[in-house]
Amino acid sequence: MPDFNYKGKIYYNPVQLVMEQIGGAWKAPILWRLKDKTMRFGELRKDIPHISDKMLTAQLKELEEDGYINRKVYAVVPPKTEYSLTQQGERIIELITTIRNYGLQMIREEQQKNDVS
């Protein structure tokens, strides 16, 4: 496959493109939590252990810029911001589900090895 330009960056293959957008420790878990409902920042923060406010903010911004989530700000005091999946975000859930199931299978297999030992 020839190199291609996507939003000003050169990619060598489509897997590289997708993994850059949803890879890392936090993006897939954020998308996973939004698959069935709209959530506020505080709800996401409470539901994702170990993520800092700064990291959650950065990941949400990147996911919004890449078209996976919508951010809706309400002009109230205190400010209220809600996050939900876009159509693109809904489409990526199938891939995240496959990756998640593969990871769960790997965990089960490792636990079985350890139980036998």
PDB file of N, CA and C in Angstrom:
ATOM      1  N   MET A   1       0.852  -1.184   0.000  1.00  0.00           N
ATOM      2  CA  MET A   1       0.000   0.000   0.000  1.00  0.00           C
ATOM      3  C   MET A   1       0.892   1.239   0.000  1.00  0.00           C
ATOM      4  N   PRO A   2       0.574   2.185  -0.834  1.00  0.00           N
ATOM      5  CA  PRO A   2       1.394   3.408  -0.858  1.00  0.00           C
ATOM      6  C   PRO A   2       1.140   4.265   0.385  1.00  0.00           C
ATOM      7  N   ASP A   3       2.124   5.077   0.731  1.00  0.00           N
ATOM      8  CA  ASP A   3       1.960   6.026   1.831  1.00  0.00           C
ATOM      9  C   ASP A   3       0.788   6.941   1.522  1.00  0.00           C
ATOM     10  N   PHE A   4       0.129   7.449   2.551  1.00  0.00           N
ATOM     11  CA  PHE A   4      -0.974   8.364   2.325  1.00  0.00           C
ATOM     12  C   PHE A   4      -0.983   9.452   3.384  1.00  0.00           C
ATOM     13  N   ASN A   5      -1.569  10.579   3.011  1.00  0.00           N
ATOM     14  CA  ASN A   5      -1.641  11.736   3.881  1.00  0.00           C
ATOM     15  C   ASN A   5      -3.037  11.795   4.489  1.00  0.00           C
ATOM     16  N   TYR A   6      -3.100  11.890   5.818  1.00  0.00           N
ATOM     17  CA  TYR A   6      -4.372  12.013   6.521  1.00  0.00           C
ATOM     18  C   TYR A   6      -4.241  13.145   7.521  1.00  0.00           C
ATOM     19  N   LYS A   7      -4.999  14.206   7.304  1.00  0.00           N
ATOM     20  CA  LYS A   7      -4.971  15.392   8.168  1.00  0.00           C
ATOM     21  C   LYS A   7      -3.557  15.927   8.368  1.00  0.00           C
ATOM     22  N   GLY A   8      -2.799  15.951   7.277  1.00  0.00           N
ATOM     23  CA  GLY A   8      -1.472  16.557   7.310  1.00  0.00           C
ATOM     24  C   GLY A   8      -0.353  15.669   7.794  1.00  0.00           C
ATOM     25  N   LYS A   9      -0.626  14.402   8.054  1.00  0.00           N
ATOM     26  CA  LYS A   9       0.420  13.482   8.507  1.00  0.00           C
ATOM     27  C   LYS A   9       0.519  12.306   7.530  1.00  0.00           C
ATOM     28  N   ILE A  10       1.744  11.861   7.288  1.00  0.00           N
ATOM     29  CA  ILE A  10       1.978  10.728   6.391  1.00  0.00           C
ATOM     30  C   ILE A  10       1.871   9.420   7.184  1.00  0.00           C
ATOM     31  N   TYR A  11       1.098   8.490   6.646  1.00  0.00           N
ATOM     32  CA  TYR A  11       0.938   7.160   7.240  1.00  0.00           C
ATOM     33  C   TYR A  11       1.413   6.124   6.235  1.00  0.00           C
ATOM     34  N   TYR A  12       1.921   5.030   6.765  1.00  0.00           N
ATOM     35  CA  TYR A  12       2.454   3.960   5.933  1.00  0.00           C
ATOM     36  C   TYR A  12       1.471   2.816   5.741  1.00  0.00           C
ATOM     37  N   ASN A  13       0.469   2.742   6.643  1.00  0.00           N
ATOM     38  CA  ASN A  13      -0.560   1.714   6.499  1.00  0.00           C
ATOM     39  C   ASN A  13      -1.777   2.110   7.331  1.00  0.00           C
ATOM     40  N   PRO A  14      -2.936   1.557   7.026  1.00  0.00           N
ATOM     41  CA  PRO A  14      -4.162   1.954   7.732  1.00  0.00           C
ATOM     42  C   PRO A  14      -4.186   1.533   9.202  1.00  0.00           C
ATOM     43  N   VAL A  15      -3.497   0.456   9.555  1.00  0.00           N
ATOM     44  CA  VAL A  15      -3.452   0.026  10.956  1.00  0.00           C
ATOM     45  C   VAL A  15      -2.747   1.087  11.797  1.00  0.00           C
ATOM     46  N   GLN A  16      -1.658   1.629  11.272  1.00  0.00           N
ATOM     47  CA  GLN A  16      -0.943   2.701  11.963  1.00  0.00           C
ATOM     48  C   GLN A  16      -1.872   3.882  12.235  1.00  0.00           C
ATOM     49  N   LEU A  17      -2.663   4.252  11.248  1.00  0.00           N
ATOM     50  CA  LEU A  17      -3.597   5.366  11.387  1.00  0.00           C
ATOM     51  C   LEU A  17      -4.584   5.115  12.523  1.00  0.00           C
ATOM     52  N   VAL A  18      -5.247   3.971  12.514  1.00  0.00           N
ATOM     53  CA  VAL A  18      -6.267   3.673  13.517  1.00  0.00           C
ATOM     54  C   VAL A  18      -5.645   3.529  14.907  1.00  0.00           C
ATOM     55  N   MET A  19      -4.520   2.837  15.003  1.00  0.00           N
ATOM     56  CA  MET A  19      -3.909   2.638  16.314  1.00  0.00           C
ATOM     57  C   MET A  19      -3.423   3.949  16.911  1.00  0.00           C
ATOM     58  N   GLU A  20      -3.005   4.875  16.085  1.00  0.00           N
ATOM     59  CA  GLU A  20      -2.608   6.181  16.604  1.00  0.00           C
ATOM     60  C   GLU A  20      -3.813   6.920  17.169  1.00  0.00           C
ATOM     61  N   GLN A  21      -4.960   6.738  16.548  1.00  0.00           N
ATOM     62  CA  GLN A  21      -6.148   7.451  16.995  1.00  0.00           C
ATOM     63  C   GLN A  21      -6.796   6.843  18.230  1.00  0.00           C
ATOM     64  N   ILE A  22      -6.787   5.529  18.363  1.00  0.00           N
ATOM     65  CA  ILE A  22      -7.472   4.911  19.504  1.00  0.00           C
ATOM     66  C   ILE A  22      -6.539   4.123  20.406  1.00  0.00           C
ATOM     67  N   GLY A  23      -5.238   4.101  20.081  1.00  0.00           N
ATOM     68  CA  GLY A  23      -4.289   3.340  20.880  1.00  0.00           C
ATOM     69  C   GLY A  23      -3.968   4.032  22.190  1.00  0.00           C
ATOM     70  N   GLY A  24      -3.072   3.441  22.937  1.00  0.00           N
ATOM     71  CA  GLY A  24      -2.699   3.983  24.235  1.00  0.00           C
ATOM     72  C   GLY A  24      -3.573   3.392  25.328  1.00  0.00           C
ATOM     73  N   ALA A  25      -3.316   3.809  26.533  1.00  0.00           N
ATOM     74  CA  ALA A  25      -3.997   3.224  27.688  1.00  0.00           C
ATOM     75  C   ALA A  25      -5.411   3.727  27.894  1.00  0.00           C
ATOM     76  N   TRP A  26      -5.763   4.908  27.381  1.00  0.00           N
ATOM     77  CA  TRP A  26      -7.007   5.538  27.815  1.00  0.00           C
ATOM     78  C   TRP A  26      -8.083   5.740  26.761  1.00  0.00           C
ATOM     79  N   LYS A  27      -7.735   5.862  25.507  1.00  0.00           N
ATOM     80  CA  LYS A  27      -8.751   6.210  24.506  1.00  0.00           C
ATOM     81  C   LYS A  27      -9.805   5.123  24.345  1.00  0.00           C
ATOM     82  N   ALA A  28      -9.405   3.885  24.211  1.00  0.00           N
ATOM     83  CA  ALA A  28     -10.390   2.805  24.067  1.00  0.00           C
ATOM     84  C   ALA A  28     -11.275   2.694  25.307  1.00  0.00           C
ATOM     85  N   PRO A  29     -10.724   2.768  26.529  1.00  0.00           N
ATOM     86  CA  PRO A  29     -11.609   2.732  27.700  1.00  0.00           C
ATOM     87  C   PRO A  29     -12.606   3.901  27.750  1.00  0.00           C
ATOM     88  N   ILE A  30     -12.184   5.080  27.303  1.00  0.00           N
ATOM     89  CA  ILE A  30     -13.107   6.215  27.257  1.00  0.00           C
ATOM     90  C   ILE A  30     -14.230   5.921  26.264  1.00  0.00           C
ATOM     91  N   LEU A  31     -13.866   5.502  25.065  1.00  0.00           N
ATOM     92  CA  LEU A  31     -14.871   5.187  24.050  1.00  0.00           C
ATOM     93  C   LEU A  31     -15.807   4.074  24.514  1.00  0.00           C
ATOM     94  N   TRP A  32     -15.246   3.065  25.171  1.00  0.00           N
ATOM     95  CA  TRP A  32     -16.034   1.936  25.662  1.00  0.00           C
ATOM     96  C   TRP A  32     -17.114   2.409  26.635  1.00  0.00           C
ATOM     97  N   ARG A  33     -16.762   3.327  27.514  1.00  0.00           N
ATOM     98  CA  ARG A  33     -17.723   3.827  28.496  1.00  0.00           C
ATOM     99  C   ARG A  33     -18.823   4.684  27.862  1.00  0.00           C
ATOM    100  N   LEU A  34     -18.509   5.280  26.735  1.00  0.00           N
ATOM    101  CA  LEU A  34     -19.494   6.123  26.056  1.00  0.00           C
ATOM    102  C   LEU A  34     -20.372   5.341  25.074  1.00  0.00           C
ATOM    103  N   LYS A  35     -20.123   4.042  24.940  1.00  0.00           N
ATOM    104  CA  LYS A  35     -20.836   3.267  23.926  1.00  0.00           C
ATOM    105  C   LYS A  35     -22.342   3.191  24.165  1.00  0.00           C
ATOM    106  N   ASP A  36     -22.776   3.256  25.407  1.00  0.00           N
ATOM    107  CA  ASP A  36     -24.196   3.109  25.703  1.00  0.00           C
ATOM    108  C   ASP A  36     -24.851   4.360  26.270  1.00  0.00           C
ATOM    109  N   LYS A  37     -24.035   5.382  26.580  1.00  0.00           N
ATOM    110  CA  LYS A  37     -24.635   6.558  27.209  1.00  0.00           C
ATOM    111  C   LYS A  37     -23.737   7.777  27.092  1.00  0.00           C
ATOM    112  N   THR A  38     -24.352   8.914  27.291  1.00  0.00           N
ATOM    113  CA  THR A  38     -23.650  10.184  27.375  1.00  0.00           C
ATOM    114  C   THR A  38     -23.151  10.329  28.808  1.00  0.00           C
ATOM    115  N   MET A  39     -21.921  10.830  28.960  1.00  0.00           N
ATOM    116  CA  MET A  39     -21.361  10.977  30.299  1.00  0.00           C
ATOM    117  C   MET A  39     -20.723  12.350  30.465  1.00  0.00           C
ATOM    118  N   ARG A  40     -20.715  12.809  31.690  1.00  0.00           N
ATOM    119  CA  ARG A  40     -20.040  14.050  32.037  1.00  0.00           C
ATOM    120  C   ARG A  40     -18.595  13.734  32.409  1.00  0.00           C
ATOM    121  N   PHE A  41     -17.759  14.785  32.420  1.00  0.00           N
ATOM    122  CA  PHE A  41     -16.341  14.625  32.740  1.00  0.00           C
ATOM    123  C   PHE A  41     -16.165  13.901  34.078  1.00  0.00           C
ATOM    124  N   GLY A  42     -16.868  14.366  35.101  1.00  0.00           N
ATOM    125  CA  GLY A  42     -16.728  13.768  36.435  1.00  0.00           C
ATOM    126  C   GLY A  42     -17.129  12.306  36.466  1.00  0.00           C
ATOM    127  N   GLU A  43     -18.142  11.935  35.690  1.00  0.00           N
ATOM    128  CA  GLU A  43     -18.564  10.535  35.632  1.00  0.00           C
ATOM    129  C   GLU A  43     -17.480   9.680  34.990  1.00  0.00           C
ATOM    130  N   LEU A  44     -16.896  10.195  33.914  1.00  0.00           N
ATOM    131  CA  LEU A  44     -15.801   9.459  33.266  1.00  0.00           C
ATOM    132  C   LEU A  44     -14.621   9.316  34.223  1.00  0.00           C
ATOM    133  N   ARG A  45     -14.290  10.391  34.897  1.00  0.00           N
ATOM    134  CA  ARG A  45     -13.145  10.388  35.826  1.00  0.00           C
ATOM    135  C   ARG A  45     -13.336   9.350  36.921  1.00  0.00           C
ATOM    136  N   LYS A  46     -14.543   9.261  37.466  1.00  0.00           N
ATOM    137  CA  LYS A  46     -14.830   8.292  38.530  1.00  0.00           C
ATOM    138  C   LYS A  46     -14.831   6.861  38.004  1.00  0.00           C
ATOM    139  N   ASP A  47     -15.234   6.695  36.750  1.00  0.00           N
ATOM    140  CA  ASP A  47     -15.407   5.360  36.177  1.00  0.00           C
ATOM    141  C   ASP A  47     -14.117   4.769  35.609  1.00  0.00           C
ATOM    142  N   ILE A  48     -13.098   5.607  35.432  1.00  0.00           N
ATOM    143  CA  ILE A  48     -11.837   5.116  34.866  1.00  0.00           C
ATOM    144  C   ILE A  48     -10.740   5.251  35.927  1.00  0.00           C
ATOM    145  N   PRO A  49     -10.453   4.176  36.622  1.00  0.00           N
ATOM    146  CA  PRO A  49      -9.440   4.244  37.673  1.00  0.00           C
ATOM    147  C   PRO A  49      -8.065   4.620  37.105  1.00  0.00           C
ATOM    148  N   HIS A  50      -7.323   5.342  37.874  1.00  0.00           N
ATOM    149  CA  HIS A  50      -5.909   5.657  37.600  1.00  0.00           C
ATOM    150  C   HIS A  50      -5.670   6.763  36.572  1.00  0.00           C
ATOM    151  N   ILE A  51      -6.696   7.275  35.908  1.00  0.00           N
ATOM    152  CA  ILE A  51      -6.465   8.345  34.934  1.00  0.00           C
ATOM    153  C   ILE A  51      -6.493   9.692  35.665  1.00  0.00           C
ATOM    154  N   SER A  52      -5.568  10.552  35.327  1.00  0.00           N
ATOM    155  CA  SER A  52      -5.537  11.884  35.937  1.00  0.00           C
ATOM    156  C   SER A  52      -6.494  12.815  35.193  1.00  0.00           C
ATOM    157  N   ASP A  53      -6.861  13.908  35.834  1.00  0.00           N
ATOM    158  CA  ASP A  53      -7.721  14.897  35.187  1.00  0.00           C
ATOM    159  C   ASP A  53      -7.051  15.436  33.919  1.00  0.00           C
ATOM    160  N   LYS A  54      -5.762  15.705  34.016  1.00  0.00           N
ATOM    161  CA  LYS A  54      -5.018  16.246  32.877  1.00  0.00           C
ATOM    162  C   LYS A  54      -5.029  15.274  31.697  1.00  0.00           C
ATOM    163  N   MET A  55      -4.801  13.989  31.972  1.00  0.00           N
ATOM    164  CA  MET A  55      -4.785  12.985  30.911  1.00  0.00           C
ATOM    165  C   MET A  55      -6.174  12.802  30.317  1.00  0.00           C
ATOM    166  N   LEU A  56      -7.200  12.764  31.161  1.00  0.00           N
ATOM    167  CA  LEU A  56      -8.555  12.612  30.655  1.00  0.00           C
ATOM    168  C   LEU A  56      -8.920  13.788  29.752  1.00  0.00           C
ATOM    169  N   THR A  57      -8.580  14.990  30.179  1.00  0.00           N
ATOM    170  CA  THR A  57      -8.841  16.178  29.370  1.00  0.00           C
ATOM    171  C   THR A  57      -8.150  16.084  28.016  1.00  0.00           C
ATOM    172  N   ALA A  58      -6.888  15.691  28.015  1.00  0.00           N
ATOM    173  CA  ALA A  58      -6.112  15.593  26.770  1.00  0.00           C
ATOM    174  C   ALA A  58      -6.690  14.521  25.844  1.00  0.00           C
ATOM    175  N   GLN A  59      -7.047  13.371  26.405  1.00  0.00           N
ATOM    176  CA  GLN A  59      -7.573  12.279  25.587  1.00  0.00           C
ATOM    177  C   GLN A  59      -8.945  12.635  25.010  1.00  0.00           C
ATOM    178  N   LEU A  60      -9.790  13.274  25.807  1.00  0.00           N
ATOM    179  CA  LEU A  60     -11.093  13.703  25.313  1.00  0.00           C
ATOM    180  C   LEU A  60     -10.931  14.708  24.176  1.00  0.00           C
ATOM    181  N   LYS A  61      -9.996  15.625  24.319  1.00  0.00           N
ATOM    182  CA  LYS A  61      -9.751  16.619  23.275  1.00  0.00           C
ATOM    183  C   LYS A  61      -9.304  15.942  21.980  1.00  0.00           C
ATOM    184  N   GLU A  62      -8.384  14.984  22.077  1.00  0.00           N
ATOM    185  CA  GLU A  62      -7.909  14.277  20.883  1.00  0.00           C
ATOM    186  C   GLU A  62      -9.027  13.463  20.235  1.00  0.00           C
ATOM    187  N   LEU A  63      -9.821  12.785  21.051  1.00  0.00           N
ATOM    188  CA  LEU A  63     -10.931  12.000  20.506  1.00  0.00           C
ATOM    189  C   LEU A  63     -11.950  12.895  19.816  1.00  0.00           C
ATOM    190  N   GLU A  64     -12.161  14.083  20.366  1.00  0.00           N
ATOM    191  CA  GLU A  64     -13.071  15.035  19.725  1.00  0.00           C
ATOM    192  C   GLU A  64     -12.483  15.533  18.403  1.00  0.00           C
ATOM    193  N   GLU A  65     -11.202  15.887  18.417  1.00  0.00           N
ATOM    194  CA  GLU A  65     -10.545  16.375  17.202  1.00  0.00           C
ATOM    195  C   GLU A  65     -10.540  15.319  16.102  1.00  0.00           C
ATOM    196  N   ASP A  66     -10.414  14.052  16.481  1.00  0.00           N
ATOM    197  CA  ASP A  66     -10.385  12.963  15.501  1.00  0.00           C
ATOM    198  C   ASP A  66     -11.779  12.497  15.084  1.00  0.00           C
ATOM    199  N   GLY A  67     -12.810  13.101  15.663  1.00  0.00           N
ATOM    200  CA  GLY A  67     -14.167  12.823  15.227  1.00  0.00           C
ATOM    201  C   GLY A  67     -14.862  11.646  15.884  1.00  0.00           C
ATOM    202  N   TYR A  68     -14.344  11.165  17.008  1.00  0.00           N
ATOM    203  CA  TYR A  68     -14.937  10.000  17.668  1.00  0.00           C
ATOM    204  C   TYR A  68     -15.977  10.370  18.719  1.00  0.00           C
ATOM    205  N   ILE A  69     -15.857  11.568  19.300  1.00  0.00           N
ATOM    206  CA  ILE A  69     -16.812  11.972  20.327  1.00  0.00           C
ATOM    207  C   ILE A  69     -17.324  13.388  20.074  1.00  0.00           C
ATOM    208  N   ASN A  70     -18.514  13.635  20.593  1.00  0.00           N
ATOM    209  CA  ASN A  70     -19.099  14.966  20.625  1.00  0.00           C
ATOM    210  C   ASN A  70     -18.909  15.530  22.026  1.00  0.00           C
ATOM    211  N   ARG A  71     -18.677  16.817  22.085  1.00  0.00           N
ATOM    212  CA  ARG A  71     -18.563  17.522  23.367  1.00  0.00           C
ATOM    213  C   ARG A  71     -19.632  18.603  23.364  1.00  0.00           C
ATOM    214  N   LYS A  72     -20.519  18.538  24.342  1.00  0.00           N
ATOM    215  CA  LYS A  72     -21.591  19.532  24.438  1.00  0.00           C
ATOM    216  C   LYS A  72     -21.444  20.281  25.752  1.00  0.00           C
ATOM    217  N   VAL A  73     -21.296  21.602  25.656  1.00  0.00           N
ATOM    218  CA  VAL A  73     -21.126  22.445  26.832  1.00  0.00           C
ATOM    219  C   VAL A  73     -22.424  23.191  27.087  1.00  0.00           C
ATOM    220  N   TYR A  74     -22.889  23.139  28.322  1.00  0.00           N
ATOM    221  CA  TYR A  74     -24.090  23.851  28.732  1.00  0.00           C
ATOM    222  C   TYR A  74     -23.679  25.112  29.479  1.00  0.00           C
ATOM    223  N   ALA A  75     -24.297  26.222  29.143  1.00  0.00           N
ATOM    224  CA  ALA A  75     -23.973  27.507  29.769  1.00  0.00           C
ATOM    225  C   ALA A  75     -24.724  27.649  31.086  1.00  0.00           C
ATOM    226  N   VAL A  76     -24.277  26.892  32.068  1.00  0.00           N
ATOM    227  CA  VAL A  76     -24.861  26.946  33.404  1.00  0.00           C
ATOM    228  C   VAL A  76     -23.735  27.117  34.413  1.00  0.00           C
ATOM    229  N   VAL A  77     -24.082  27.428  35.645  1.00  0.00           N
ATOM    230  CA  VAL A  77     -23.090  27.546  36.709  1.00  0.00           C
ATOM    231  C   VAL A  77     -23.409  26.488  37.751  1.00  0.00           C
ATOM    232  N   PRO A  78     -22.462  25.587  38.074  1.00  0.00           N
ATOM    233  CA  PRO A  78     -21.152  25.436  37.431  1.00  0.00           C
ATOM    234  C   PRO A  78     -21.294  24.874  36.017  1.00  0.00           C
ATOM    235  N   PRO A  79     -20.273  25.079  35.182  1.00  0.00           N
ATOM    236  CA  PRO A  79     -20.339  24.595  33.794  1.00  0.00           C
ATOM    237  C   PRO A  79     -20.588  23.091  33.738  1.00  0.00           C
ATOM    238  N   LYS A  80     -21.360  22.692  32.760  1.00  0.00           N
ATOM    239  CA  LYS A  80     -21.690  21.275  32.560  1.00  0.00           C
ATOM    240  C   LYS A  80     -21.262  20.895  31.152  1.00  0.00           C
ATOM    241  N   THR A  81     -20.466  19.840  31.046  1.00  0.00           N
ATOM    242  CA  THR A  81     -20.004  19.354  29.753  1.00  0.00           C
ATOM    243  C   THR A  81     -20.336  17.875  29.653  1.00  0.00           C
ATOM    244  N   GLU A  82     -20.926  17.491  28.540  1.00  0.00           N
ATOM    245  CA  GLU A  82     -21.271  16.091  28.304  1.00  0.00           C
ATOM    246  C   GLU A  82     -20.543  15.575  27.069  1.00  0.00           C
ATOM    247  N   TYR A  83     -20.210  14.287  27.107  1.00  0.00           N
ATOM    248  CA  TYR A  83     -19.516  13.636  26.009  1.00  0.00           C
ATOM    249  C   TYR A  83     -20.344  12.449  25.528  1.00  0.00           C
ATOM    250  N   SER A  84     -20.386  12.291  24.208  1.00  0.00           N
ATOM    251  CA  SER A  84     -21.101  11.171  23.602  1.00  0.00           C
ATOM    252  C   SER A  84     -20.367  10.759  22.327  1.00  0.00           C
ATOM    253  N   LEU A  85     -20.690   9.580  21.843  1.00  0.00           N
ATOM    254  CA  LEU A  85     -20.061   9.087  20.621  1.00  0.00           C
ATOM    255  C   LEU A  85     -20.678   9.727  19.390  1.00  0.00           C
ATOM    256  N   THR A  86     -19.845   9.969  18.393  1.00  0.00           N
ATOM    257  CA  THR A  86     -20.315  10.351  17.069  1.00  0.00           C
ATOM    258  C   THR A  86     -20.614   9.059  16.305  1.00  0.00           C
ATOM    259  N   GLN A  87     -21.066   9.179  15.074  1.00  0.00           N
ATOM    260  CA  GLN A  87     -21.257   7.979  14.250  1.00  0.00           C
ATOM    261  C   GLN A  87     -19.932   7.251  14.063  1.00  0.00           C
ATOM    262  N   GLN A  88     -18.862   7.995  13.867  1.00  0.00           N
ATOM    263  CA  GLN A  88     -17.537   7.377  13.733  1.00  0.00           C
ATOM    264  C   GLN A  88     -17.167   6.658  15.021  1.00  0.00           C
ATOM    265  N   GLY A  89     -17.473   7.257  16.154  1.00  0.00           N
ATOM    266  CA  GLY A  89     -17.212   6.623  17.442  1.00  0.00           C
ATOM    267  C   GLY A  89     -18.007   5.342  17.611  1.00  0.00           C
ATOM    268  N   GLU A  90     -19.258   5.361  17.160  1.00  0.00           N
ATOM    269  CA  GLU A  90     -20.082   4.151  17.244  1.00  0.00           C
ATOM    270  C   GLU A  90     -19.511   3.043  16.369  1.00  0.00           C
ATOM    271  N   ARG A  91     -18.981   3.403  15.201  1.00  0.00           N
ATOM    272  CA  ARG A  91     -18.401   2.388  14.303  1.00  0.00           C
ATOM    273  C   ARG A  91     -17.146   1.750  14.903  1.00  0.00           C
ATOM    274  N   ILE A  92     -16.363   2.518  15.651  1.00  0.00           N
ATOM    275  CA  ILE A  92     -15.107   1.978  16.180  1.00  0.00           C
ATOM    276  C   ILE A  92     -15.351   1.018  17.351  1.00  0.00           C
ATOM    277  N   ILE A  93     -16.546   1.049  17.935  1.00  0.00           N
ATOM    278  CA  ILE A  93     -16.845   0.173  19.071  1.00  0.00           C
ATOM    279  C   ILE A  93     -16.731  -1.296  18.677  1.00  0.00           C
ATOM    280  N   GLU A  94     -17.105  -1.639  17.455  1.00  0.00           N
ATOM    281  CA  GLU A  94     -16.978  -3.041  17.011  1.00  0.00           C
ATOM    282  C   GLU A  94     -15.523  -3.500  17.086  1.00  0.00           C
ATOM    283  N   LEU A  95     -14.604  -2.656  16.640  1.00  0.00           N
ATOM    284  CA  LEU A  95     -13.185  -2.997  16.701  1.00  0.00           C
ATOM    285  C   LEU A  95     -12.710  -3.077  18.143  1.00  0.00           C
ATOM    286  N   ILE A  96     -13.120  -2.132  18.971  1.00  0.00           N
ATOM    287  CA  ILE A  96     -12.714  -2.143  20.379  1.00  0.00           C
ATOM    288  C   ILE A  96     -13.262  -3.388  21.073  1.00  0.00           C
ATOM    289  N   THR A  97     -14.480  -3.788  20.733  1.00  0.00           N
ATOM    290  CA  THR A  97     -15.063  -5.005  21.298  1.00  0.00           C
ATOM    291  C   THR A  97     -14.225  -6.222  20.930  1.00  0.00           C
ATOM    292  N   THR A  98     -13.805  -6.305  19.685  1.00  0.00           N
ATOM    293  CA  THR A  98     -12.962  -7.424  19.241  1.00  0.00           C
ATOM    294  C   THR A  98     -11.628  -7.434  19.995  1.00  0.00           C
ATOM    295  N   ILE A  99     -11.004  -6.281  20.108  1.00  0.00           N
ATOM    296  CA  ILE A  99      -9.728  -6.186  20.827  1.00  0.00           C
ATOM    297  C   ILE A  99      -9.924  -6.537  22.299  1.00  0.00           C
ATOM    298  N   ARG A 100     -11.006  -6.044  22.898  1.00  0.00           N
ATOM    299  CA  ARG A 100     -11.301  -6.332  24.310  1.00  0.00           C
ATOM    300  C   ARG A 100     -11.504  -7.829  24.522  1.00  0.00           C
ATOM    301  N   ASN A 101     -12.291  -8.451  23.660  1.00  0.00           N
ATOM    302  CA  ASN A 101     -12.534  -9.892  23.788  1.00  0.00           C
ATOM    303  C   ASN A 101     -11.246 -10.687  23.643  1.00  0.00           C
ATOM    304  N   TYR A 102     -10.377 -10.261  22.734  1.00  0.00           N
ATOM    305  CA  TYR A 102      -9.083 -10.923  22.579  1.00  0.00           C
ATOM    306  C   TYR A 102      -8.262 -10.786  23.853  1.00  0.00           C
ATOM    307  N   GLY A 103      -8.263  -9.594  24.437  1.00  0.00           N
ATOM    308  CA  GLY A 103      -7.540  -9.378  25.691  1.00  0.00           C
ATOM    309  C   GLY A 103      -8.094 -10.223  26.827  1.00  0.00           C
ATOM    310  N   LEU A 104      -9.420 -10.305  26.929  1.00  0.00           N
ATOM    311  CA  LEU A 104     -10.035 -11.144  27.964  1.00  0.00           C
ATOM    312  C   LEU A 104      -9.653 -12.608  27.787  1.00  0.00           C
ATOM    313  N   GLN A 105      -9.614 -13.072  26.534  1.00  0.00           N
ATOM    314  CA  GLN A 105      -9.210 -14.448  26.267  1.00  0.00           C
ATOM    315  C   GLN A 105      -7.753 -14.673  26.680  1.00  0.00           C
ATOM    316  N   MET A 106      -6.893 -13.724  26.388  1.00  0.00           N
ATOM    317  CA  MET A 106      -5.490 -13.835  26.799  1.00  0.00           C
ATOM    318  C   MET A 106      -5.373 -13.927  28.317  1.00  0.00           C
ATOM    319  N   ILE A 107      -6.156 -13.127  29.035  1.00  0.00           N
ATOM    320  CA  ILE A 107      -6.139 -13.155  30.503  1.00  0.00           C
ATOM    321  C   ILE A 107      -6.593 -14.518  31.008  1.00  0.00           C
ATOM    322  N   ARG A 108      -7.695 -15.039  30.442  1.00  0.00           N
ATOM    323  CA  ARG A 108      -8.192 -16.359  30.856  1.00  0.00           C
ATOM    324  C   ARG A 108      -7.150 -17.451  30.625  1.00  0.00           C
ATOM    325  N   GLU A 109      -6.514 -17.410  29.460  1.00  0.00           N
ATOM    326  CA  GLU A 109      -5.505 -18.418  29.145  1.00  0.00           C
ATOM    327  C   GLU A 109      -4.330 -18.331  30.114  1.00  0.00           C
ATOM    328  N   GLU A 110      -3.899 -17.139  30.456  1.00  0.00           N
ATOM    329  CA  GLU A 110      -2.792 -16.977  31.398  1.00  0.00           C
ATOM    330  C   GLU A 110      -3.201 -17.469  32.791  1.00  0.00           C
ATOM    331  N   GLN A 111      -4.431 -17.178  33.199  1.00  0.00           N
ATOM    332  CA  GLN A 111      -4.904 -17.638  34.500  1.00  0.00           C
ATOM    333  C   GLN A 111      -4.968 -19.164  34.542  1.00  0.00           C
ATOM    334  N   GLN A 112      -5.380 -19.771  33.434  1.00  0.00           N
ATOM    335  CA  GLN A 112      -5.437 -21.226  33.365  1.00  0.00           C
ATOM    336  C   GLN A 112      -4.041 -21.826  33.487  1.00  0.00           C
ATOM    337  N   LYS A 113      -3.070 -21.198  32.821  1.00  0.00           N
ATOM    338  CA  LYS A 113      -1.671 -21.673  32.933  1.00  0.00           C
ATOM    339  C   LYS A 113      -1.210 -21.594  34.376  1.00  0.00           C
ATOM    340  N   ASN A 114      -1.525 -20.501  35.041  1.00  0.00           N
ATOM    341  CA  ASN A 114      -1.091 -20.309  36.417  1.00  0.00           C
ATOM    342  C   ASN A 114      -1.809 -21.259  37.375  1.00  0.00           C
ATOM    343  N   ASP A 115      -3.068 -21.599  37.079  1.00  0.00           N
ATOM    344  CA  ASP A 115      -3.837 -22.530  37.925  1.00  0.00           C
ATOM    345  C   ASP A 115      -3.255 -23.933  37.815  1.00  0.00           C
ATOM    346  N   VAL A 116      -2.741 -24.300  36.650  1.00  0.00           N
ATOM    347  CA  VAL A 116      -2.160 -25.629  36.436  1.00  0.00           C
ATOM    348  C   VAL A 116      -0.813 -25.734  37.136  1.00  0.00           C
ATOM    349  N   SER A 117      -0.075 -24.640  37.166  1.00  0.00           N
ATOM    350  CA  SER A 117       1.276 -24.648  37.760  1.00  0.00           C
ATOM    351  C   SER A 117       1.268 -24.870  39.239  1.00  0.00           C
TER     352      SER A 117
END
